[in-house]
Amino acid sequence: MHDTYAEILLPFASSPELFERYTNAWGGLRTGMLMEHLDSLAGSISYKHMLGPDVETLGHINERGFYIVTASVDRLDVLAPLSPVRDIRLSGIVIYTGTSSMEVAVKMEALGASGVEDTLLLGRFSMVCRDARTHKARPVNPLILDSREETALFSIGENAKKRRQSLALRSLSRVPPSSTEAEELHSVYLQYGQDNGLSDYEREWMGETHLEKTMLMFPQERNVHQKVFGGYLMRLAYELGFANASLFTRSHVTFMSLDSISFAKPVPIGSILRLTSQVLHTTPPGELPAAVHVGVQANVVEVQTGREQTTNDFRFTWYPDDDASVRQVVPKTYQEAMLWLEGKRALKMGDQIRGERQKKPSA
């Protein structure tokens, strides 16, 4: 396991030029760019696991006989403010292997003169290996565990995979909501879903929170498979979601978590990509910290027919900086109601995970 470790150092404290490249309009860091690096790092770690720690270049995919893609991002949770005045280290390691899949744990740390000062972010990427010729699943190298700590990390990765499978079986696209969820949804309908004199400052219909961006995919953003780099898509989705959360709350927002990403299909070079964002859930009035859960869907548009295919589905959570209650986003249709409940589930899980990690940080 330890042979798969890799890291990237971003010396913000000592390099004004680097800081200038990553700074945002509020003097902080462009989180979407850091996500782009984390996706690239997870891919590099996965290839390192397959090729061995001494191999320095990937070469041609067809010669290697396999390729690796990001299947999903389990979570990325912020545990401390992302400050640009300190050097930051991004690191990761393969913690679990299945038949053709790998779980890569990633970490973002702030460094000081005496070493690590804060763990800023923790998360996991799920990577899969494919045969370069048939594009079918290809077995990955098993992990050799050399210590009690590595065995514990392997167990974390194994449990994460099982939890992801369990959540997929409980998805609202497969099974109906629980009785408790149905009651909560009905309560929101009674309070906010009827014409009872509520103002736009108290609620907003989910269908009216749409924000979208359409753009061409250029070869400068390609990966080794000659498709659009997944990390670049993560950055685009993050920035659109941030804009939507800011407009909805009418304030600057702070990123708290990437709750999930699914990669359904690759995005071809030269295609037209439509990113559509929507506010899916907000915390109840008076509940602090207030949170806004946003979904971003990426679709490739076929020019000749106008037909669209979904390639990626992103879910993010932000907190408004003024720590005030936010308007309630209210679903109108059954489909929107299911998205609203999925957002509620995501917020609940995020609170649980951040609480557990802050009590006892893990790798």
Protein backbone atom coordinates (compact mmCIF):
# COMPACT_ATOMS: atom_id res chain seq x y z
CA MET A 1 0.00 0.00 0.00
CA HIS A 2 2.69 2.52 0.97
CA ASP A 3 4.30 2.19 -2.49
CA THR A 4 1.26 3.91 -4.03
CA TYR A 5 1.68 7.13 -2.02
CA ALA A 6 2.12 10.36 -4.01
CA GLU A 7 1.90 14.07 -3.23
CA ILE A 8 1.83 17.53 -4.78
CA LEU A 9 3.24 20.57 -2.95
CA LEU A 10 1.75 24.00 -3.62
CA PRO A 11 4.10 26.59 -1.98
CA PHE A 12 1.65 29.49 -1.70
CA ALA A 13 3.46 31.07 1.25
CA SER A 14 6.74 31.47 -0.62
CA SER A 15 5.56 31.95 -4.22
CA PRO A 16 3.52 35.10 -4.99
CA GLU A 17 3.33 34.01 -8.64
CA LEU A 18 1.66 30.71 -7.67
CA PHE A 19 -0.69 32.46 -5.28
CA GLU A 20 -1.75 34.82 -8.08
CA ARG A 21 -2.70 31.85 -10.28
CA TYR A 22 -4.93 30.30 -7.60
CA THR A 23 -6.43 33.29 -5.79
CA ASN A 24 -10.12 34.09 -6.15
CA ALA A 25 -11.93 37.42 -6.00
CA TRP A 26 -12.20 37.28 -2.19
CA GLY A 27 -8.53 36.60 -1.47
CA GLY A 28 -9.03 32.88 -0.94
CA LEU A 29 -8.19 29.87 -3.08
CA ARG A 30 -9.97 28.70 -6.23
CA THR A 31 -11.32 25.45 -4.82
CA GLY A 32 -12.31 24.16 -8.25
CA MET A 33 -8.67 24.26 -9.36
CA LEU A 34 -7.63 22.25 -6.30
CA MET A 35 -10.30 19.66 -7.15
CA GLU A 36 -8.81 19.45 -10.61
CA HIS A 37 -5.44 18.60 -9.03
CA LEU A 38 -6.97 16.02 -6.71
CA ASP A 39 -8.57 14.17 -9.64
CA SER A 40 -5.26 14.19 -11.50
CA LEU A 41 -3.45 12.99 -8.37
CA ALA A 42 -5.93 10.12 -7.87
CA GLY A 43 -5.37 9.03 -11.47
CA SER A 44 -1.57 9.18 -11.11
CA ILE A 45 -1.73 7.14 -7.90
CA SER A 46 -3.88 4.52 -9.61
CA TYR A 47 -1.42 4.17 -12.50
CA LYS A 48 1.43 4.02 -9.99
CA HIS A 49 -0.31 1.09 -8.31
CA MET A 50 -0.69 -0.75 -11.61
CA LEU A 51 2.75 0.03 -13.07
CA GLY A 52 4.89 0.05 -9.93
CA PRO A 53 6.51 2.90 -7.96
CA ASP A 54 9.63 3.04 -10.17
CA VAL A 55 7.82 3.81 -13.44
CA GLU A 56 8.01 7.56 -14.17
CA THR A 57 6.10 7.88 -17.46
CA LEU A 58 2.84 6.36 -18.60
CA GLY A 59 3.64 6.03 -22.30
CA HIS A 60 0.96 5.00 -24.78
CA ILE A 61 -2.22 3.45 -23.42
CA ASN A 62 -2.40 0.84 -26.19
CA GLU A 63 1.12 -0.32 -25.35
CA ARG A 64 0.23 -0.64 -21.67
CA GLY A 65 -2.91 -2.58 -22.57
CA PHE A 66 -5.16 -0.86 -20.03
CA TYR A 67 -6.42 2.51 -18.92
CA ILE A 68 -7.89 3.89 -15.70
CA VAL A 69 -10.86 6.23 -15.31
CA THR A 70 -12.61 7.91 -12.40
CA ALA A 71 -15.88 6.08 -11.74
CA SER A 72 -17.08 8.33 -8.93
CA VAL A 73 -15.98 10.60 -6.14
CA ASP A 74 -17.34 9.33 -2.85
CA ARG A 75 -16.91 12.56 -0.89
CA LEU A 76 -14.61 15.54 -0.41
CA ASP A 77 -15.21 17.18 2.98
CA VAL A 78 -13.66 20.46 4.13
CA LEU A 79 -12.51 20.28 7.75
CA ALA A 80 -10.75 23.66 8.07
CA PRO A 81 -10.60 26.93 6.06
CA LEU A 82 -8.54 26.76 2.85
CA SER A 83 -6.05 29.54 3.57
CA PRO A 84 -3.64 30.69 0.84
CA VAL A 85 -1.06 32.10 3.28
CA ARG A 86 0.40 28.65 4.01
CA ASP A 87 1.93 26.00 1.80
CA ILE A 88 -0.51 23.22 0.93
CA ARG A 89 0.21 19.56 0.33
CA LEU A 90 -2.13 17.33 -1.64
CA SER A 91 -1.48 13.63 -1.07
CA GLY A 92 -3.13 10.30 -1.64
CA ILE A 93 -2.78 6.53 -1.48
CA VAL A 94 -4.64 3.43 -2.71
CA ILE A 95 -6.39 2.05 0.37
CA TYR A 96 -8.51 -0.71 -1.18
CA THR A 97 -8.64 -2.84 -4.32
CA GLY A 98 -11.51 -4.89 -5.66
CA THR A 99 -11.48 -7.02 -8.79
CA SER A 100 -11.10 -4.10 -11.20
CA SER A 101 -11.55 -1.10 -8.92
CA MET A 102 -9.44 0.95 -6.54
CA GLU A 103 -10.35 3.30 -3.69
CA VAL A 104 -7.93 6.23 -3.50
CA ALA A 105 -7.96 8.29 -0.30
CA VAL A 106 -6.84 11.90 -0.75
CA LYS A 107 -5.90 14.56 1.77
CA MET A 108 -5.21 18.30 1.70
CA GLU A 109 -2.98 19.68 4.46
CA ALA A 110 -1.69 23.13 5.44
CA LEU A 111 2.02 23.11 6.24
CA GLY A 112 3.98 25.28 8.65
CA ALA A 113 7.59 25.55 9.76
CA SER A 114 7.19 22.55 12.06
CA GLY A 115 5.22 20.36 9.64
CA VAL A 116 1.48 19.75 9.24
CA GLU A 117 -0.62 22.43 10.93
CA ASP A 118 -4.12 21.49 9.77
CA THR A 119 -5.88 18.80 7.77
CA LEU A 120 -8.00 20.88 5.44
CA LEU A 121 -9.84 18.29 3.36
CA LEU A 122 -10.37 14.53 3.18
CA GLY A 123 -12.00 12.48 0.46
CA ARG A 124 -12.06 9.35 -1.68
CA PHE A 125 -12.01 8.65 -5.40
CA SER A 126 -13.25 5.39 -6.89
CA MET A 127 -11.15 4.40 -9.91
CA VAL A 128 -11.75 1.55 -12.36
CA CYS A 129 -9.39 -0.23 -14.74
CA ARG A 130 -10.41 -1.07 -18.31
CA ASP A 131 -8.83 -3.14 -21.08
CA ALA A 132 -7.47 -0.79 -23.76
CA ARG A 133 -8.77 -2.97 -26.61
CA THR A 134 -12.12 -4.33 -25.38
CA HIS A 135 -12.91 -1.53 -22.86
CA LYS A 136 -14.17 -4.20 -20.47
CA ALA A 137 -13.18 -4.50 -16.82
CA ARG A 138 -9.57 -5.51 -16.27
CA PRO A 139 -8.23 -6.94 -12.98
CA VAL A 140 -6.05 -4.67 -10.85
CA ASN A 141 -3.08 -5.63 -8.72
CA PRO A 142 -4.07 -6.70 -5.20
CA LEU A 143 -2.73 -4.68 -2.27
CA ILE A 144 -0.11 -6.08 0.08
CA LEU A 145 -0.73 -4.87 3.64
CA ASP A 146 2.37 -4.47 5.80
CA SER A 147 1.05 -2.98 9.02
CA ARG A 148 -1.93 -2.67 11.33
CA GLU A 149 -2.49 0.89 10.03
CA GLU A 150 -2.66 -0.32 6.43
CA THR A 151 -5.11 -3.06 7.41
CA ALA A 152 -7.30 -0.40 9.06
CA LEU A 153 -7.16 1.77 5.93
CA PHE A 154 -8.09 -1.22 3.76
CA SER A 155 -11.11 -1.81 5.99
CA ILE A 156 -12.13 1.86 5.59
CA GLY A 157 -11.96 1.52 1.80
CA GLU A 158 -13.88 -1.75 1.83
CA ASN A 159 -16.61 -0.27 4.04
CA ALA A 160 -16.82 2.81 1.81
CA LYS A 161 -17.45 0.61 -1.22
CA LYS A 162 -20.13 -1.39 0.63
CA ARG A 163 -21.80 1.81 1.82
CA ARG A 164 -21.83 3.19 -1.71
CA GLN A 165 -23.46 -0.01 -2.97
CA SER A 166 -26.02 0.15 -0.17
CA LEU A 167 -26.85 3.78 -0.95
CA ALA A 168 -27.32 2.87 -4.62
CA LEU A 169 -29.87 0.21 -3.65
CA ARG A 170 -31.71 2.77 -1.46
CA SER A 171 -31.66 5.44 -4.15
CA LEU A 172 -34.98 7.19 -4.69
CA SER A 173 -34.69 6.32 -8.37
CA ARG A 174 -35.15 2.69 -7.28
CA VAL A 175 -37.32 2.66 -4.15
CA PRO A 176 -39.93 5.01 -2.65
CA PRO A 177 -39.07 7.37 0.22
CA SER A 178 -39.45 6.19 3.79
CA SER A 179 -42.56 7.11 5.79
CA THR A 180 -40.51 9.63 7.77
CA GLU A 181 -39.27 11.27 4.58
CA ALA A 182 -42.79 11.37 3.16
CA GLU A 183 -44.00 13.12 6.33
CA GLU A 184 -41.17 15.68 6.13
CA LEU A 185 -41.95 16.37 2.50
CA HIS A 186 -45.65 16.81 3.26
CA SER A 187 -44.82 19.19 6.11
CA VAL A 188 -42.78 21.35 3.73
CA TYR A 189 -45.64 21.30 1.24
CA LEU A 190 -48.13 22.46 3.88
CA GLN A 191 -45.84 25.23 5.10
CA TYR A 192 -44.29 26.47 1.86
CA GLY A 193 -45.96 24.78 -1.09
CA GLN A 194 -49.27 26.59 -1.09
CA ASP A 195 -50.28 30.17 -1.87
CA ASN A 196 -50.36 31.34 1.71
CA GLY A 197 -48.84 34.79 1.34
CA LEU A 198 -45.18 33.79 1.46
CA SER A 199 -42.77 36.23 -0.16
CA ASP A 200 -39.85 35.50 -2.50
CA TYR A 201 -37.56 36.16 0.47
CA GLU A 202 -39.02 33.17 2.29
CA ARG A 203 -39.19 30.55 -0.45
CA GLU A 204 -38.26 29.88 -4.06
CA TRP A 205 -39.57 27.16 -6.33
CA MET A 206 -36.88 24.64 -7.24
CA GLY A 207 -37.66 24.97 -10.94
CA GLU A 208 -36.78 28.66 -10.80
CA THR A 209 -33.24 28.08 -9.49
CA HIS A 210 -31.84 26.84 -12.81
CA LEU A 211 -28.52 28.25 -13.96
CA GLU A 212 -26.68 26.85 -16.98
CA LYS A 213 -23.56 27.18 -19.08
CA THR A 214 -22.95 25.81 -22.58
CA MET A 215 -19.46 25.54 -24.04
CA LEU A 216 -17.22 23.78 -26.55
CA MET A 217 -14.74 21.15 -25.40
CA PHE A 218 -11.25 21.88 -26.73
CA PRO A 219 -8.27 19.48 -27.10
CA GLN A 220 -6.20 21.50 -24.58
CA GLU A 221 -8.29 19.91 -21.81
CA ARG A 222 -7.84 16.30 -22.95
CA ASN A 223 -6.51 13.47 -20.81
CA VAL A 224 -4.35 10.50 -21.78
CA HIS A 225 -7.43 8.77 -23.20
CA GLN A 226 -8.07 11.68 -25.60
CA LYS A 227 -11.27 12.63 -23.75
CA VAL A 228 -12.01 15.71 -21.67
CA PHE A 229 -10.13 15.55 -18.35
CA GLY A 230 -12.50 14.72 -15.49
CA GLY A 231 -10.85 17.21 -13.15
CA TYR A 232 -11.58 20.01 -15.62
CA LEU A 233 -15.27 19.03 -15.58
CA MET A 234 -15.16 19.07 -11.77
CA ARG A 235 -13.83 22.64 -11.83
CA LEU A 236 -16.48 23.81 -14.30
CA ALA A 237 -19.27 22.21 -12.26
CA TYR A 238 -17.93 23.60 -8.99
CA GLU A 239 -17.77 27.16 -10.33
CA LEU A 240 -21.29 27.02 -11.79
CA GLY A 241 -22.64 25.54 -8.55
CA PHE A 242 -20.87 28.24 -6.52
CA ALA A 243 -22.45 30.94 -8.67
CA ASN A 244 -25.90 29.39 -8.20
CA ALA A 245 -25.51 29.07 -4.41
CA SER A 246 -24.32 32.69 -4.21
CA LEU A 247 -27.25 34.00 -6.26
CA PHE A 248 -29.71 31.95 -4.24
CA THR A 249 -28.42 33.09 -0.83
CA ARG A 250 -27.61 36.62 -2.05
CA SER A 251 -24.26 36.35 -0.28
CA HIS A 252 -20.78 34.88 -0.58
CA VAL A 253 -20.76 31.18 0.29
CA THR A 254 -18.12 28.85 1.75
CA PHE A 255 -17.59 25.39 0.29
CA MET A 256 -18.18 22.52 2.71
CA SER A 257 -18.35 19.31 0.68
CA LEU A 258 -18.49 17.60 -2.63
CA ASP A 259 -21.17 15.10 -1.71
CA SER A 260 -20.88 12.88 -4.78
CA ILE A 261 -19.89 12.72 -8.42
CA SER A 262 -20.84 10.03 -10.90
CA PHE A 263 -19.06 9.63 -14.23
CA ALA A 264 -21.51 7.93 -16.59
CA LYS A 265 -19.87 8.59 -19.96
CA PRO A 266 -16.69 10.28 -21.23
CA VAL A 267 -16.95 13.74 -22.78
CA PRO A 268 -15.46 13.75 -26.32
CA ILE A 269 -13.13 16.49 -27.56
CA GLY A 270 -15.03 18.85 -29.87
CA SER A 271 -18.40 18.16 -28.27
CA ILE A 272 -20.81 20.76 -26.94
CA LEU A 273 -21.28 20.46 -23.19
CA ARG A 274 -24.27 21.86 -21.33
CA LEU A 275 -23.92 22.25 -17.57
CA THR A 276 -27.18 22.79 -15.70
CA SER A 277 -27.27 23.74 -12.03
CA GLN A 278 -30.19 23.67 -9.61
CA VAL A 279 -30.63 24.26 -5.86
CA LEU A 280 -31.93 20.97 -4.47
CA HIS A 281 -32.21 21.49 -0.72
CA THR A 282 -31.81 24.11 2.00
CA THR A 283 -31.75 23.79 5.78
CA PRO A 284 -34.96 24.64 7.67
CA PRO A 285 -35.36 28.23 8.95
CA GLY A 286 -33.42 28.89 12.15
CA GLU A 287 -31.22 25.80 11.76
CA LEU A 288 -27.54 26.76 11.89
CA PRO A 289 -25.24 26.49 10.15
CA ALA A 290 -27.46 27.23 7.18
CA ALA A 291 -26.62 25.11 4.14
CA VAL A 292 -27.42 25.07 0.44
CA HIS A 293 -27.18 21.81 -1.49
CA VAL A 294 -26.72 22.22 -5.26
CA GLY A 295 -26.79 19.71 -8.09
CA VAL A 296 -24.97 20.18 -11.40
CA GLN A 297 -25.67 17.93 -14.38
CA ALA A 298 -23.34 17.70 -17.39
CA ASN A 299 -24.89 16.75 -20.74
CA VAL A 300 -23.24 16.28 -24.13
CA VAL A 301 -25.41 17.77 -26.88
CA GLU A 302 -25.60 16.15 -30.32
CA VAL A 303 -25.58 19.06 -32.75
CA GLN A 304 -27.51 17.39 -35.58
CA THR A 305 -30.46 16.23 -33.47
CA GLY A 306 -30.27 18.31 -30.29
CA ARG A 307 -30.35 15.04 -28.33
CA GLU A 308 -28.58 15.15 -24.97
CA GLN A 309 -26.79 12.45 -23.00
CA THR A 310 -25.92 12.86 -19.34
CA THR A 311 -22.20 12.31 -18.69
CA ASN A 312 -21.78 13.51 -15.11
CA ASP A 313 -23.86 14.29 -12.05
CA PHE A 314 -22.31 16.49 -9.33
CA ARG A 315 -23.59 17.37 -5.84
CA PHE A 316 -22.10 20.15 -3.68
CA THR A 317 -22.87 21.82 -0.35
CA TRP A 318 -22.11 25.44 0.61
CA TYR A 319 -22.68 27.57 3.73
CA PRO A 320 -23.53 31.29 3.41
CA ASP A 321 -20.89 33.43 5.12
CA ASP A 322 -23.33 35.65 7.01
CA ASP A 323 -24.60 32.59 8.94
CA ALA A 324 -28.19 33.66 8.47
CA SER A 325 -31.17 31.50 7.60
CA VAL A 326 -31.65 30.91 3.88
CA ARG A 327 -34.81 30.86 1.82
CA GLN A 328 -36.55 27.54 1.45
CA VAL A 329 -36.28 25.84 -1.92
CA VAL A 330 -39.61 24.12 -2.58
CA PRO A 331 -40.32 21.33 -5.11
CA LYS A 332 -43.40 21.41 -7.33
CA THR A 333 -43.21 18.09 -9.16
CA TYR A 334 -42.66 14.53 -7.92
CA GLN A 335 -39.25 14.42 -9.60
CA GLU A 336 -38.24 17.62 -7.84
CA ALA A 337 -39.53 16.19 -4.55
CA MET A 338 -37.22 13.18 -4.93
CA LEU A 339 -34.27 15.50 -5.64
CA TRP A 340 -35.23 17.50 -2.54
CA LEU A 341 -35.13 14.34 -0.41
CA GLU A 342 -31.81 13.26 -1.92
CA GLY A 343 -30.41 16.65 -0.97
CA LYS A 344 -31.70 16.24 2.58
CA ARG A 345 -29.99 12.84 2.80
CA ALA A 346 -26.72 14.35 1.54
CA LEU A 347 -26.77 17.15 4.12
CA LYS A 348 -27.44 14.67 6.93
CA MET A 349 -24.61 12.39 5.83
CA GLY A 350 -22.21 15.32 5.48
CA ASP A 351 -22.92 16.48 9.03
CA GLN A 352 -22.34 12.95 10.35
CA ILE A 353 -19.08 12.41 8.45
CA ARG A 354 -17.58 15.80 9.35
CA GLY A 355 -18.51 15.23 12.99
CA GLU A 356 -16.85 11.81 13.04
CA ARG A 357 -13.70 13.04 11.30
CA GLN A 358 -13.31 16.06 13.56
CA LYS A 359 -13.56 13.82 16.61
CA LYS A 360 -11.00 11.33 15.31
CA PRO A 361 -9.20 12.30 12.06
CA SER A 362 -8.49 9.39 9.72
CA ALA A 363 -6.26 9.00 6.68
